[in-house]
PDB file of N, CA and C in Angstrom:
ATOM      1  N   VAL A   1      56.096 114.127  98.048  1.00  0.00           N
ATOM      2  CA  VAL A   1      56.981 113.712  96.964  1.00  0.00           C
ATOM      3  C   VAL A   1      57.306 112.234  97.128  1.00  0.00           C
ATOM      4  N   GLN A   2      57.084 111.473  96.085  1.00  0.00           N
ATOM      5  CA  GLN A   2      57.376 110.035  96.102  1.00  0.00           C
ATOM      6  C   GLN A   2      58.827 109.826  95.673  1.00  0.00           C
ATOM      7  N   HIS A   3      59.600 109.182  96.527  1.00  0.00           N
ATOM      8  CA  HIS A   3      60.989 108.879  96.206  1.00  0.00           C
ATOM      9  C   HIS A   3      61.119 107.386  95.958  1.00  0.00           C
ATOM     10  N   LYS A   4      62.089 107.026  95.152  1.00  0.00           N
ATOM     11  CA  LYS A   4      62.319 105.604  94.945  1.00  0.00           C
ATOM     12  C   LYS A   4      62.894 104.997  96.224  1.00  0.00           C
ATOM     13  N   SER A   5      62.874 103.693  96.308  1.00  0.00           N
ATOM     14  CA  SER A   5      63.324 103.062  97.544  1.00  0.00           C
ATOM     15  C   SER A   5      64.694 102.404  97.432  1.00  0.00           C
ATOM     16  N   ILE A   6      65.197 102.207  96.225  1.00  0.00           N
ATOM     17  CA  ILE A   6      66.513 101.594  96.029  1.00  0.00           C
ATOM     18  C   ILE A   6      67.420 102.592  95.312  1.00  0.00           C
ATOM     19  N   TYR A   7      68.597 102.830  95.902  1.00  0.00           N
ATOM     20  CA  TYR A   7      69.568 103.759  95.323  1.00  0.00           C
ATOM     21  C   TYR A   7      70.887 103.022  95.135  1.00  0.00           C
ATOM     22  N   HIS A   8      71.467 103.144  93.944  1.00  0.00           N
ATOM     23  CA  HIS A   8      72.750 102.530  93.621  1.00  0.00           C
ATOM     24  C   HIS A   8      73.793 103.636  93.490  1.00  0.00           C
ATOM     25  N   PHE A   9      74.932 103.449  94.141  1.00  0.00           N
ATOM     26  CA  PHE A   9      76.019 104.419  94.009  1.00  0.00           C
ATOM     27  C   PHE A   9      77.341 103.753  94.353  1.00  0.00           C
ATOM     28  N   ASP A  10      78.317 103.955  93.503  1.00  0.00           N
ATOM     29  CA  ASP A  10      79.685 103.469  93.710  1.00  0.00           C
ATOM     30  C   ASP A  10      79.720 102.005  94.166  1.00  0.00           C
ATOM     31  N   LYS A  11      78.916 101.163  93.521  1.00  0.00           N
ATOM     32  CA  LYS A  11      78.825  99.732  93.823  1.00  0.00           C
ATOM     33  C   LYS A  11      78.281  99.447  95.222  1.00  0.00           C
ATOM     34  N   LEU A  12      77.539 100.396  95.783  1.00  0.00           N
ATOM     35  CA  LEU A  12      76.813 100.221  97.037  1.00  0.00           C
ATOM     36  C   LEU A  12      75.328 100.308  96.721  1.00  0.00           C
ATOM     37  N   VAL A  13      74.504  99.754  97.599  1.00  0.00           N
ATOM     38  CA  VAL A  13      73.055  99.794  97.405  1.00  0.00           C
ATOM     39  C   VAL A  13      72.395 100.218  98.710  1.00  0.00           C
ATOM     40  N   LEU A  14      71.606 101.291  98.635  1.00  0.00           N
ATOM     41  CA  LEU A  14      70.818 101.738  99.782  1.00  0.00           C
ATOM     42  C   LEU A  14      69.370 101.348  99.523  1.00  0.00           C
ATOM     43  N   ASP A  15      68.836 100.515 100.403  1.00  0.00           N
ATOM     44  CA  ASP A  15      67.426 100.122 100.342  1.00  0.00           C
ATOM     45  C   ASP A  15      66.704 100.937 101.409  1.00  0.00           C
ATOM     46  N   ALA A  16      66.048 102.012 100.981  1.00  0.00           N
ATOM     47  CA  ALA A  16      65.426 102.945 101.921  1.00  0.00           C
ATOM     48  C   ALA A  16      64.266 102.306 102.668  1.00  0.00           C
ATOM     49  N   SER A  17      63.505 101.464 102.004  1.00  0.00           N
ATOM     50  CA  SER A  17      62.342 100.866 102.662  1.00  0.00           C
ATOM     51  C   SER A  17      62.756  99.882 103.756  1.00  0.00           C
ATOM     52  N   ARG A  18      63.888  99.227 103.584  1.00  0.00           N
ATOM     53  CA  ARG A  18      64.390  98.284 104.595  1.00  0.00           C
ATOM     54  C   ARG A  18      65.427  98.924 105.511  1.00  0.00           C
ATOM     55  N   ARG A  19      65.776 100.179 105.236  1.00  0.00           N
ATOM     56  CA  ARG A  19      66.781 100.906 106.023  1.00  0.00           C
ATOM     57  C   ARG A  19      68.096 100.115 106.076  1.00  0.00           C
ATOM     58  N   LEU A  20      68.563  99.741 104.880  1.00  0.00           N
ATOM     59  CA  LEU A  20      69.696  98.841 104.759  1.00  0.00           C
ATOM     60  C   LEU A  20      70.681  99.378 103.727  1.00  0.00           C
ATOM     61  N   LEU A  21      71.969  99.352 104.070  1.00  0.00           N
ATOM     62  CA  LEU A  21      73.022  99.724 103.127  1.00  0.00           C
ATOM     63  C   LEU A  21      73.892  98.504 102.902  1.00  0.00           C
ATOM     64  N   LEU A  22      74.006  98.093 101.633  1.00  0.00           N
ATOM     65  CA  LEU A  22      74.864  96.970 101.275  1.00  0.00           C
ATOM     66  C   LEU A  22      76.160  97.494 100.688  1.00  0.00           C
ATOM     67  N   GLY A  23      77.265  96.939 101.170  1.00  0.00           N
ATOM     68  CA  GLY A  23      78.581  97.367 100.727  1.00  0.00           C
ATOM     69  C   GLY A  23      78.992  96.738  99.414  1.00  0.00           C
ATOM     70  N   ARG A  24      80.191  97.061  98.985  1.00  0.00           N
ATOM     71  CA  ARG A  24      80.720  96.554  97.721  1.00  0.00           C
ATOM     72  C   ARG A  24      80.852  95.036  97.734  1.00  0.00           C
ATOM     73  N   ASP A  25      80.981  94.456  98.926  1.00  0.00           N
ATOM     74  CA  ASP A  25      81.070  93.005  99.078  1.00  0.00           C
ATOM     75  C   ASP A  25      79.698  92.383  99.347  1.00  0.00           C
ATOM     76  N   GLU A  26      78.647  93.195  99.222  1.00  0.00           N
ATOM     77  CA  GLU A  26      77.257  92.799  99.447  1.00  0.00           C
ATOM     78  C   GLU A  26      76.953  92.483 100.905  1.00  0.00           C
ATOM     79  N   GLU A  27      77.851  92.873 101.808  1.00  0.00           N
ATOM     80  CA  GLU A  27      77.608  92.755 103.244  1.00  0.00           C
ATOM     81  C   GLU A  27      76.963  94.043 103.730  1.00  0.00           C
ATOM     82  N   GLU A  28      76.146  93.928 104.767  1.00  0.00           N
ATOM     83  CA  GLU A  28      75.490  95.117 105.311  1.00  0.00           C
ATOM     84  C   GLU A  28      76.511  96.028 105.983  1.00  0.00           C
ATOM     85  N   ILE A  29      76.386  97.323 105.710  1.00  0.00           N
ATOM     86  CA  ILE A  29      77.176  98.342 106.407  1.00  0.00           C
ATOM     87  C   ILE A  29      76.262  98.927 107.469  1.00  0.00           C
ATOM     88  N   LYS A  30      76.651  98.780 108.714  1.00  0.00           N
ATOM     89  CA  LYS A  30      75.826  99.257 109.822  1.00  0.00           C
ATOM     90  C   LYS A  30      75.845 100.780 109.866  1.00  0.00           C
ATOM     91  N   LEU A  31      74.662 101.370 109.899  1.00  0.00           N
ATOM     92  CA  LEU A  31      74.511 102.817 110.004  1.00  0.00           C
ATOM     93  C   LEU A  31      73.646 103.145 111.211  1.00  0.00           C
ATOM     94  N   THR A  32      73.983 104.241 111.880  1.00  0.00           N
ATOM     95  CA  THR A  32      73.104 104.739 112.929  1.00  0.00           C
ATOM     96  C   THR A  32      71.876 105.358 112.268  1.00  0.00           C
ATOM     97  N   ARG A  33      70.859 105.659 113.059  1.00  0.00           N
ATOM     98  CA  ARG A  33      69.658 106.291 112.518  1.00  0.00           C
ATOM     99  C   ARG A  33      70.019 107.601 111.836  1.00  0.00           C
ATOM    100  N   ALA A  34      70.849 108.414 112.495  1.00  0.00           N
ATOM    101  CA  ALA A  34      71.218 109.719 111.936  1.00  0.00           C
ATOM    102  C   ALA A  34      72.045 109.568 110.660  1.00  0.00           C
ATOM    103  N   GLU A  35      72.970 108.613 110.619  1.00  0.00           N
ATOM    104  CA  GLU A  35      73.761 108.378 109.408  1.00  0.00           C
ATOM    105  C   GLU A  35      72.854 107.965 108.252  1.00  0.00           C
ATOM    106  N   PHE A  36      71.906 107.066 108.537  1.00  0.00           N
ATOM    107  CA  PHE A  36      70.968 106.628 107.502  1.00  0.00           C
ATOM    108  C   PHE A  36      70.139 107.800 106.992  1.00  0.00           C
ATOM    109  N   GLU A  37      69.591 108.597 107.902  1.00  0.00           N
ATOM    110  CA  GLU A  37      68.757 109.742 107.512  1.00  0.00           C
ATOM    111  C   GLU A  37      69.551 110.731 106.663  1.00  0.00           C
ATOM    112  N   LEU A  38      70.796 110.996 107.054  1.00  0.00           N
ATOM    113  CA  LEU A  38      71.633 111.921 106.293  1.00  0.00           C
ATOM    114  C   LEU A  38      71.913 111.366 104.895  1.00  0.00           C
ATOM    115  N   LEU A  39      72.258 110.093 104.810  1.00  0.00           N
ATOM    116  CA  LEU A  39      72.517 109.481 103.507  1.00  0.00           C
ATOM    117  C   LEU A  39      71.271 109.546 102.626  1.00  0.00           C
ATOM    118  N   LEU A  40      70.110 109.315 103.208  1.00  0.00           N
ATOM    119  CA  LEU A  40      68.865 109.369 102.447  1.00  0.00           C
ATOM    120  C   LEU A  40      68.578 110.781 101.931  1.00  0.00           C
ATOM    121  N   VAL A  41      68.885 111.799 102.729  1.00  0.00           N
ATOM    122  CA  VAL A  41      68.719 113.185 102.262  1.00  0.00           C
ATOM    123  C   VAL A  41      69.584 113.409 101.020  1.00  0.00           C
ATOM    124  N   PHE A  42      70.831 112.941 101.057  1.00  0.00           N
ATOM    125  CA  PHE A  42      71.702 113.094  99.888  1.00  0.00           C
ATOM    126  C   PHE A  42      71.183 112.301  98.688  1.00  0.00           C
ATOM    127  N   MET A  43      70.636 111.121  98.916  1.00  0.00           N
ATOM    128  CA  MET A  43      70.103 110.306  97.813  1.00  0.00           C
ATOM    129  C   MET A  43      68.947 111.015  97.117  1.00  0.00           C
ATOM    130  N   THR A  44      68.131 111.718  97.885  1.00  0.00           N
ATOM    131  CA  THR A  44      66.957 112.380  97.314  1.00  0.00           C
ATOM    132  C   THR A  44      67.270 113.777  96.785  1.00  0.00           C
ATOM    133  N   HIS A  45      68.519 114.228  96.960  1.00  0.00           N
ATOM    134  CA  HIS A  45      68.959 115.532  96.438  1.00  0.00           C
ATOM    135  C   HIS A  45      70.336 115.386  95.786  1.00  0.00           C
ATOM    136  N   PRO A  46      70.466 114.501  94.788  1.00  0.00           N
ATOM    137  CA  PRO A  46      71.781 114.272  94.185  1.00  0.00           C
ATOM    138  C   PRO A  46      72.292 115.506  93.449  1.00  0.00           C
ATOM    139  N   SER A  47      73.592 115.682  93.505  1.00  0.00           N
ATOM    140  CA  SER A  47      74.276 116.773  92.794  1.00  0.00           C
ATOM    141  C   SER A  47      73.794 118.154  93.211  1.00  0.00           C
ATOM    142  N   GLN A  48      73.269 118.271  94.431  1.00  0.00           N
ATOM    143  CA  GLN A  48      72.877 119.574  94.972  1.00  0.00           C
ATOM    144  C   GLN A  48      73.739 119.871  96.190  1.00  0.00           C
ATOM    145  N   VAL A  49      74.224 121.098  96.288  1.00  0.00           N
ATOM    146  CA  VAL A  49      74.946 121.509  97.487  1.00  0.00           C
ATOM    147  C   VAL A  49      73.911 121.742  98.581  1.00  0.00           C
ATOM    148  N   LEU A  50      74.077 121.026  99.688  1.00  0.00           N
ATOM    149  CA  LEU A  50      73.156 121.143 100.815  1.00  0.00           C
ATOM    150  C   LEU A  50      73.898 121.759 101.992  1.00  0.00           C
ATOM    151  N   ASN A  51      73.349 122.844 102.539  1.00  0.00           N
ATOM    152  CA  ASN A  51      74.038 123.501 103.646  1.00  0.00           C
ATOM    153  C   ASN A  51      73.737 122.798 104.967  1.00  0.00           C
ATOM    154  N   ARG A  52      74.559 123.093 105.972  1.00  0.00           N
ATOM    155  CA  ARG A  52      74.440 122.427 107.269  1.00  0.00           C
ATOM    156  C   ARG A  52      73.080 122.670 107.913  1.00  0.00           C
ATOM    157  N   ASP A  53      72.539 123.865 107.752  1.00  0.00           N
ATOM    158  CA  ASP A  53      71.240 124.199 108.343  1.00  0.00           C
ATOM    159  C   ASP A  53      70.164 123.259 107.813  1.00  0.00           C
ATOM    160  N   ARG A  54      70.112 123.112 106.517  1.00  0.00           N
ATOM    161  CA  ARG A  54      69.107 122.231 105.898  1.00  0.00           C
ATOM    162  C   ARG A  54      69.318 120.776 106.314  1.00  0.00           C
ATOM    163  N   LEU A  55      70.567 120.331 106.282  1.00  0.00           N
ATOM    164  CA  LEU A  55      70.862 118.951 106.654  1.00  0.00           C
ATOM    165  C   LEU A  55      70.499 118.679 108.106  1.00  0.00           C
ATOM    166  N   LEU A  56      70.874 119.602 108.985  1.00  0.00           N
ATOM    167  CA  LEU A  56      70.597 119.415 110.409  1.00  0.00           C
ATOM    168  C   LEU A  56      69.101 119.363 110.674  1.00  0.00           C
ATOM    169  N   SER A  57      68.353 120.252 110.045  1.00  0.00           N
ATOM    170  CA  SER A  57      66.908 120.268 110.282  1.00  0.00           C
ATOM    171  C   SER A  57      66.247 119.002 109.734  1.00  0.00           C
ATOM    172  N   GLN A  58      66.732 118.469 108.618  1.00  0.00           N
ATOM    173  CA  GLN A  58      66.125 117.264 108.050  1.00  0.00           C
ATOM    174  C   GLN A  58      66.536 115.992 108.785  1.00  0.00           C
ATOM    175  N   VAL A  59      67.718 115.993 109.375  1.00  0.00           N
ATOM    176  CA  VAL A  59      68.204 114.790 110.049  1.00  0.00           C
ATOM    177  C   VAL A  59      67.825 114.777 111.529  1.00  0.00           C
ATOM    178  N   THR A  60      67.976 115.915 112.200  1.00  0.00           N
ATOM    179  CA  THR A  60      67.752 115.948 113.654  1.00  0.00           C
ATOM    180  C   THR A  60      66.541 116.771 114.052  1.00  0.00           C
ATOM    181  N   HIS A  61      65.966 117.501 113.098  1.00  0.00           N
ATOM    182  CA  HIS A  61      64.814 118.375 113.358  1.00  0.00           C
ATOM    183  C   HIS A  61      65.160 119.484 114.357  1.00  0.00           C
ATOM    184  N   ARG A  62      66.421 119.917 114.318  1.00  0.00           N
ATOM    185  CA  ARG A  62      66.883 121.038 115.138  1.00  0.00           C
ATOM    186  C   ARG A  62      67.332 122.156 114.214  1.00  0.00           C
ATOM    187  N   SER A  63      67.353 123.365 114.745  1.00  0.00           N
ATOM    188  CA  SER A  63      67.897 124.498 113.999  1.00  0.00           C
ATOM    189  C   SER A  63      69.412 124.474 114.108  1.00  0.00           C
ATOM    190  N   TRP A  64      70.049 124.988 113.068  1.00  0.00           N
ATOM    191  CA  TRP A  64      71.503 125.001 113.044  1.00  0.00           C
ATOM    192  C   TRP A  64      72.047 126.059 113.977  1.00  0.00           C
ATOM    193  N   ASP A  65      73.117 125.718 114.656  1.00  0.00           N
ATOM    194  CA  ASP A  65      73.865 126.620 115.521  1.00  0.00           C
ATOM    195  C   ASP A  65      75.286 126.626 114.955  1.00  0.00           C
ATOM    196  N   PRO A  66      75.912 127.794 114.809  1.00  0.00           N
ATOM    197  CA  PRO A  66      77.259 127.837 114.214  1.00  0.00           C
ATOM    198  C   PRO A  66      78.280 126.954 114.932  1.00  0.00           C
ATOM    199  N   ASN A  67      78.048 126.667 116.211  1.00  0.00           N
ATOM    200  CA  ASN A  67      78.975 125.827 116.972  1.00  0.00           C
ATOM    201  C   ASN A  67      78.618 124.341 116.912  1.00  0.00           C
ATOM    202  N   ASP A  68      77.516 124.008 116.265  1.00  0.00           N
ATOM    203  CA  ASP A  68      77.054 122.624 116.192  1.00  0.00           C
ATOM    204  C   ASP A  68      77.822 121.891 115.094  1.00  0.00           C
ATOM    205  N   ARG A  69      78.536 120.843 115.462  1.00  0.00           N
ATOM    206  CA  ARG A  69      79.346 120.076 114.506  1.00  0.00           C
ATOM    207  C   ARG A  69      78.693 118.737 114.143  1.00  0.00           C
ATOM    208  N   THR A  70      77.420 118.573 114.493  1.00  0.00           N
ATOM    209  CA  THR A  70      76.732 117.297 114.266  1.00  0.00           C
ATOM    210  C   THR A  70      76.854 116.820 112.823  1.00  0.00           C
ATOM    211  N   ILE A  71      76.547 117.680 111.872  1.00  0.00           N
ATOM    212  CA  ILE A  71      76.580 117.276 110.460  1.00  0.00           C
ATOM    213  C   ILE A  71      78.000 116.937 110.028  1.00  0.00           C
ATOM    214  N   ASP A  72      78.973 117.732 110.461  1.00  0.00           N
ATOM    215  CA  ASP A  72      80.369 117.453 110.106  1.00  0.00           C
ATOM    216  C   ASP A  72      80.798 116.076 110.618  1.00  0.00           C
ATOM    217  N   VAL A  73      80.390 115.748 111.844  1.00  0.00           N
ATOM    218  CA  VAL A  73      80.737 114.450 112.429  1.00  0.00           C
ATOM    219  C   VAL A  73      80.044 113.320 111.666  1.00  0.00           C
ATOM    220  N   LEU A  74      78.773 113.506 111.333  1.00  0.00           N
ATOM    221  CA  LEU A  74      78.051 112.478 110.576  1.00  0.00           C
ATOM    222  C   LEU A  74      78.666 112.267 109.190  1.00  0.00           C
ATOM    223  N   ILE A  75      79.047 113.355 108.532  1.00  0.00           N
ATOM    224  CA  ILE A  75      79.704 113.247 107.217  1.00  0.00           C
ATOM    225  C   ILE A  75      81.013 112.476 107.358  1.00  0.00           C
ATOM    226  N   MET A  76      81.794 112.795 108.389  1.00  0.00           N
ATOM    227  CA  MET A  76      83.062 112.104 108.618  1.00  0.00           C
ATOM    228  C   MET A  76      82.818 110.605 108.825  1.00  0.00           C
ATOM    229  N   ARG A  77      81.802 110.263 109.610  1.00  0.00           N
ATOM    230  CA  ARG A  77      81.507 108.850 109.868  1.00  0.00           C
ATOM    231  C   ARG A  77      81.042 108.143 108.591  1.00  0.00           C
ATOM    232  N   LEU A  78      80.202 108.803 107.787  1.00  0.00           N
ATOM    233  CA  LEU A  78      79.777 108.203 106.516  1.00  0.00           C
ATOM    234  C   LEU A  78      80.961 108.018 105.572  1.00  0.00           C
ATOM    235  N   ARG A  79      81.838 109.009 105.516  1.00  0.00           N
ATOM    236  CA  ARG A  79      83.023 108.891 104.656  1.00  0.00           C
ATOM    237  C   ARG A  79      83.855 107.677 105.064  1.00  0.00           C
ATOM    238  N   ARG A  80      84.059 107.499 106.367  1.00  0.00           N
ATOM    239  CA  ARG A  80      84.866 106.370 106.840  1.00  0.00           C
ATOM    240  C   ARG A  80      84.211 105.038 106.514  1.00  0.00           C
ATOM    241  N   LYS A  81      82.890 105.014 106.515  1.00  0.00           N
ATOM    242  CA  LYS A  81      82.179 103.762 106.266  1.00  0.00           C
ATOM    243  C   LYS A  81      82.026 103.434 104.784  1.00  0.00           C
ATOM    244  N   ILE A  82      81.898 104.447 103.909  1.00  0.00           N
ATOM    245  CA  ILE A  82      81.546 104.116 102.521  1.00  0.00           C
ATOM    246  C   ILE A  82      82.476 104.648 101.441  1.00  0.00           C
ATOM    247  N   GLU A  83      83.306 105.628 101.744  1.00  0.00           N
ATOM    248  CA  GLU A  83      84.250 106.104 100.720  1.00  0.00           C
ATOM    249  C   GLU A  83      85.334 105.050 100.519  1.00  0.00           C
ATOM    250  N   ARG A  84      85.825 104.932  99.299  1.00  0.00           N
ATOM    251  CA  ARG A  84      86.937 104.012  99.039  1.00  0.00           C
ATOM    252  C   ARG A  84      88.193 104.490  99.766  1.00  0.00           C
ATOM    253  N   ASP A  85      88.408 105.793  99.806  1.00  0.00           N
ATOM    254  CA  ASP A  85      89.509 106.399 100.560  1.00  0.00           C
ATOM    255  C   ASP A  85      88.939 107.624 101.257  1.00  0.00           C
ATOM    256  N   TYR A  86      88.607 107.476 102.526  1.00  0.00           N
ATOM    257  CA  TYR A  86      87.929 108.569 103.225  1.00  0.00           C
ATOM    258  C   TYR A  86      88.796 109.816 103.371  1.00  0.00           C
ATOM    259  N   LYS A  87      90.108 109.677 103.214  1.00  0.00           N
ATOM    260  CA  LYS A  87      90.978 110.856 103.300  1.00  0.00           C
ATOM    261  C   LYS A  87      90.928 111.692 102.021  1.00  0.00           C
ATOM    262  N   GLN A  88      90.470 111.069 100.932  1.00  0.00           N
ATOM    263  CA  GLN A  88      90.279 111.767  99.657  1.00  0.00           C
ATOM    264  C   GLN A  88      88.875 111.448  99.161  1.00  0.00           C
ATOM    265  N   PRO A  89      87.861 112.042  99.823  1.00  0.00           N
ATOM    266  CA  PRO A  89      86.473 111.691  99.499  1.00  0.00           C
ATOM    267  C   PRO A  89      86.063 112.109  98.094  1.00  0.00           C
ATOM    268  N   ILE A  90      85.310 111.220  97.467  1.00  0.00           N
ATOM    269  CA  ILE A  90      84.773 111.482  96.138  1.00  0.00           C
ATOM    270  C   ILE A  90      83.256 111.617  96.205  1.00  0.00           C
ATOM    271  N   LEU A  91      82.615 110.759  96.997  1.00  0.00           N
ATOM    272  CA  LEU A  91      81.154 110.764  97.076  1.00  0.00           C
ATOM    273  C   LEU A  91      80.619 111.995  97.797  1.00  0.00           C
ATOM    274  N   PHE A  92      81.232 112.337  98.924  1.00  0.00           N
ATOM    275  CA  PHE A  92      80.794 113.483  99.727  1.00  0.00           C
ATOM    276  C   PHE A  92      81.847 114.578  99.639  1.00  0.00           C
ATOM    277  N   ALA A  93      81.584 115.576  98.831  1.00  0.00           N
ATOM    278  CA  ALA A  93      82.528 116.683  98.666  1.00  0.00           C
ATOM    279  C   ALA A  93      82.138 117.838  99.574  1.00  0.00           C
ATOM    280  N   THR A  94      83.137 118.462 100.174  1.00  0.00           N
ATOM    281  CA  THR A  94      82.912 119.675 100.950  1.00  0.00           C
ATOM    282  C   THR A  94      82.957 120.856  99.997  1.00  0.00           C
ATOM    283  N   VAL A  95      81.927 121.677 100.017  1.00  0.00           N
ATOM    284  CA  VAL A  95      81.897 122.907  99.229  1.00  0.00           C
ATOM    285  C   VAL A  95      82.090 124.028 100.240  1.00  0.00           C
ATOM    286  N   HIS A  96      83.315 124.533 100.319  1.00  0.00           N
ATOM    287  CA  HIS A  96      83.679 125.492 101.364  1.00  0.00           C
ATOM    288  C   HIS A  96      82.767 126.708 101.350  1.00  0.00           C
ATOM    289  N   GLY A  97      82.274 127.036 102.549  1.00  0.00           N
ATOM    290  CA  GLY A  97      81.399 128.183 102.719  1.00  0.00           C
ATOM    291  C   GLY A  97      79.953 127.922 102.349  1.00  0.00           C
ATOM    292  N   GLU A  98      79.667 126.707 101.827  1.00  0.00           N
ATOM    293  CA  GLU A  98      78.298 126.410 101.392  1.00  0.00           C
ATOM    294  C   GLU A  98      77.714 125.166 102.035  1.00  0.00           C
ATOM    295  N   GLY A  99      78.451 124.070 102.071  1.00  0.00           N
ATOM    296  CA  GLY A  99      77.906 122.842 102.632  1.00  0.00           C
ATOM    297  C   GLY A  99      78.553 121.620 102.020  1.00  0.00           C
ATOM    298  N   TYR A 100      77.729 120.625 101.712  1.00  0.00           N
ATOM    299  CA  TYR A 100      78.223 119.361 101.183  1.00  0.00           C
ATOM    300  C   TYR A 100      77.479 118.993  99.908  1.00  0.00           C
ATOM    301  N   LEU A 101      78.187 118.251  99.058  1.00  0.00           N
ATOM    302  CA  LEU A 101      77.646 117.817  97.777  1.00  0.00           C
ATOM    303  C   LEU A 101      77.853 116.311  97.664  1.00  0.00           C
ATOM    304  N   PHE A 102      76.779 115.584  97.376  1.00  0.00           N
ATOM    305  CA  PHE A 102      76.887 114.153  97.107  1.00  0.00           C
ATOM    306  C   PHE A 102      76.817 113.972  95.603  1.00  0.00           C
ATOM    307  N   SER A 103      77.808 113.290  95.045  1.00  0.00           N
ATOM    308  CA  SER A 103      77.851 113.196  93.581  1.00  0.00           C
ATOM    309  C   SER A 103      78.112 111.783  93.087  1.00  0.00           C
ATOM    310  N   GLY A 104      77.592 110.792  93.797  1.00  0.00           N
ATOM    311  CA  GLY A 104      77.898 109.435  93.383  1.00  0.00           C
ATOM    312  C   GLY A 104      76.736 108.599  92.921  1.00  0.00           C
ATOM    313  N   LEU A 105      75.545 109.174  92.798  1.00  0.00           N
ATOM    314  CA  LEU A 105      74.360 108.377  92.487  1.00  0.00           C
ATOM    315  C   LEU A 105      74.383 107.879  91.048  1.00  0.00           C
ATOM    316  N   ASP A 106      74.109 106.592  90.872  1.00  0.00           N
ATOM    317  CA  ASP A 106      73.987 105.995  89.537  1.00  0.00           C
ATOM    318  C   ASP A 106      72.559 106.204  89.073  1.00  0.00           C
ATOM    319  N   GLU A 107      72.310 107.212  88.262  1.00  0.00           N
ATOM    320  CA  GLU A 107      70.948 107.585  87.853  1.00  0.00           C
ATOM    321  C   GLU A 107      70.235 106.514  87.041  1.00  0.00           C
ATOM    322  N   GLN A 108      70.979 105.714  86.298  1.00  0.00           N
ATOM    323  CA  GLN A 108      70.324 104.766  85.406  1.00  0.00           C
ATOM    324  C   GLN A 108      69.761 103.559  86.136  1.00  0.00           C
ATOM    325  N   LYS A 109      70.119 103.353  87.384  1.00  0.00           N
ATOM    326  CA  LYS A 109      69.642 102.193  88.127  1.00  0.00           C
ATOM    327  C   LYS A 109      68.635 102.635  89.171  1.00  0.00           C
ATOM    328  N   GLY A 110      67.983 101.659  89.781  1.00  0.00           N
ATOM    329  CA  GLY A 110      67.083 101.957  90.890  1.00  0.00           C
ATOM    330  C   GLY A 110      65.639 101.742  90.530  1.00  0.00           C
ATOM    331  N   SER A 111      64.807 101.845  91.567  1.00  0.00           N
ATOM    332  CA  SER A 111      63.380 101.640  91.347  1.00  0.00           C
ATOM    333  C   SER A 111      62.570 102.617  92.151  1.00  0.00           C
TER     334      SER A 111
END
C-alpha cells in the first residue's frame, strides 16, 4: 500500500519520508522512534479505532500482553508533545474497552 509522505493535522506537519514532525511554530518536535512509528500508524488509519494489540505489533513487532503499558505510555508522551491541552486530548481519543482513535487529520492537504 502506497501512503503519502506529508500529513497535516491541527497546524502540525508530519513528513514521513524525512521522519520529521514540525510544530505549530514550525520548529521540529523531537520524537523517539517508537513515538514516530505510532504517530505514522495513526496517520495511515485516520478515524479508525485501533486496539492496543494492533498498535503494539505495528510499532514494536511484539504481541500484546494485558500487563504491557507500552502503547499507553507512548500515547501519553505523544499527547504531551502535540496536543494543545494534553489533559483534555482532542487528537488522540481513548475509546474505552477498544483502543485509541486519532481524529485530527486534515484530509484536504498533503501529498
